[in-house]
Amino acid sequence: MNMIKNLLASLALSVALIGSAFAADKVNINTATASEMAEVLNGVGDSKAEAIVAHRKENGPFKSADQLAEVRGIGLKTVEKNRDRIVVGATPAPAAAQPAKPTATQEG
């Protein structure tokens, strides 16, 4: 009986891990690195992924997945093939400068 419980627990864990692996096959084109995009997007290798990052740096964040077609080497077919893998999220806000803490002075 204990062996069956262990087997079922292992099976349940395996199914959970497989499900999370499929969920991880998405990439935010506004925050991902070139290597992350090349890994997730079909038909996008290192050079095309680097072109996406360069385009993003030059033109600002993407507002839609369709804007990827503006990147040299990426066409609408590639966008359509990857539409379910593309996330267009906001870029992280730049870290605000922290004001300097006043230092205690000794009065004598």
Protein backbone atom coordinates (compact mmCIF):
# COMPACT_ATOMS: atom_id res chain seq x y z
CA MET A 1 0.00 0.00 0.00
CA ASN A 2 2.84 2.38 0.88
CA MET A 3 4.50 1.62 -2.44
CA ILE A 4 1.33 2.62 -4.34
CA LYS A 5 1.17 5.91 -2.41
CA ASN A 6 4.77 6.67 -3.33
CA LEU A 7 4.13 5.81 -6.96
CA LEU A 8 1.05 8.04 -7.11
CA ALA A 9 2.88 10.88 -5.37
CA SER A 10 5.74 10.60 -7.87
CA LEU A 11 3.29 10.58 -10.77
CA ALA A 12 1.47 13.64 -9.44
CA LEU A 13 4.76 15.49 -9.00
CA SER A 14 5.84 14.59 -12.53
CA VAL A 15 2.59 15.91 -13.99
CA ALA A 16 2.92 19.13 -11.99
CA LEU A 17 6.47 19.67 -13.22
CA ILE A 18 5.52 19.03 -16.82
CA GLY A 19 2.68 21.54 -16.56
CA SER A 20 4.97 24.21 -15.18
CA ALA A 21 7.50 23.55 -17.92
CA PHE A 22 4.85 24.24 -20.57
CA ALA A 23 3.77 27.40 -18.77
CA ALA A 24 7.37 28.63 -18.80
CA ASP A 25 7.45 28.60 -22.61
CA LYS A 26 6.55 32.28 -22.76
CA VAL A 27 8.87 35.23 -23.05
CA ASN A 28 8.32 38.92 -22.37
CA ILE A 29 9.82 40.63 -25.40
CA ASN A 30 10.25 43.87 -23.43
CA THR A 31 12.37 42.41 -20.65
CA ALA A 32 13.92 39.16 -21.92
CA THR A 33 17.54 38.78 -22.88
CA ALA A 34 18.49 37.68 -26.36
CA SER A 35 19.38 34.20 -25.12
CA GLU A 36 15.99 33.84 -23.38
CA MET A 37 14.15 34.80 -26.57
CA ALA A 38 16.27 32.48 -28.72
CA GLU A 39 15.50 29.64 -26.34
CA VAL A 40 11.72 30.14 -26.29
CA LEU A 41 10.76 31.50 -29.71
CA ASN A 42 10.56 29.14 -32.69
CA GLY A 43 12.56 30.26 -35.71
CA VAL A 44 14.45 32.88 -33.69
CA GLY A 45 18.11 32.16 -33.17
CA ASP A 46 20.78 34.20 -31.44
CA SER A 47 21.23 36.80 -34.20
CA LYS A 48 17.50 37.49 -34.61
CA ALA A 49 17.05 37.64 -30.84
CA GLU A 50 19.91 40.14 -30.62
CA ALA A 51 18.21 42.19 -33.35
CA ILE A 52 15.03 42.22 -31.25
CA VAL A 53 16.94 43.52 -28.22
CA ALA A 54 18.71 46.16 -30.35
CA HIS A 55 15.39 47.29 -31.83
CA ARG A 56 13.90 47.52 -28.35
CA LYS A 57 16.83 49.64 -27.13
CA GLU A 58 16.62 51.98 -30.12
CA ASN A 59 12.83 52.33 -30.34
CA GLY A 60 11.54 51.67 -26.85
CA PRO A 61 9.33 48.84 -25.61
CA PHE A 62 7.05 46.88 -27.89
CA LYS A 63 3.36 47.70 -27.55
CA SER A 64 2.19 44.54 -29.32
CA ALA A 65 3.56 41.28 -30.62
CA ASP A 66 2.89 42.48 -34.17
CA GLN A 67 5.59 45.11 -33.77
CA LEU A 68 8.17 42.33 -33.84
CA ALA A 69 7.65 42.26 -37.61
CA GLU A 70 9.40 45.67 -37.71
CA VAL A 71 12.62 43.96 -36.63
CA ARG A 72 14.88 43.02 -39.52
CA GLY A 73 14.76 39.26 -40.04
CA ILE A 74 11.45 38.79 -38.21
CA GLY A 75 8.36 38.47 -40.36
CA LEU A 76 4.67 38.14 -39.68
CA LYS A 77 4.92 34.37 -40.14
CA THR A 78 7.42 34.17 -37.29
CA VAL A 79 5.19 36.35 -35.13
CA GLU A 80 2.14 34.18 -35.86
CA LYS A 81 4.10 31.00 -35.20
CA ASN A 82 5.07 32.33 -31.76
CA ARG A 83 2.02 34.38 -30.79
CA ASP A 84 1.15 32.07 -27.89
CA ARG A 85 4.73 32.32 -26.57
CA ILE A 86 5.05 36.11 -26.73
CA VAL A 87 4.22 38.28 -23.75
CA VAL A 88 4.20 42.05 -24.14
CA GLY A 89 4.56 43.34 -20.62
CA ALA A 90 5.73 46.62 -19.26
CA THR A 91 9.41 47.22 -18.89
CA PRO A 92 10.61 47.48 -15.32
CA ALA A 93 10.73 51.03 -14.03
CA PRO A 94 14.23 52.38 -13.55
CA ALA A 95 15.35 52.31 -9.97
CA ALA A 96 14.66 55.65 -8.34
CA ALA A 97 17.66 57.38 -6.90
CA GLN A 98 17.65 57.10 -3.16
CA PRO A 99 18.20 60.41 -1.37
CA ALA A 100 21.35 60.54 0.67
CA LYS A 101 20.78 60.08 4.38
CA PRO A 102 21.87 63.04 6.42
CA THR A 103 24.90 62.35 8.53
CA ALA A 104 24.90 63.12 12.20
CA THR A 105 27.14 66.02 13.13
CA GLN A 106 28.64 66.57 16.52
CA GLU A 107 28.19 69.91 18.09
CA GLY A 108 30.74 70.77 20.50
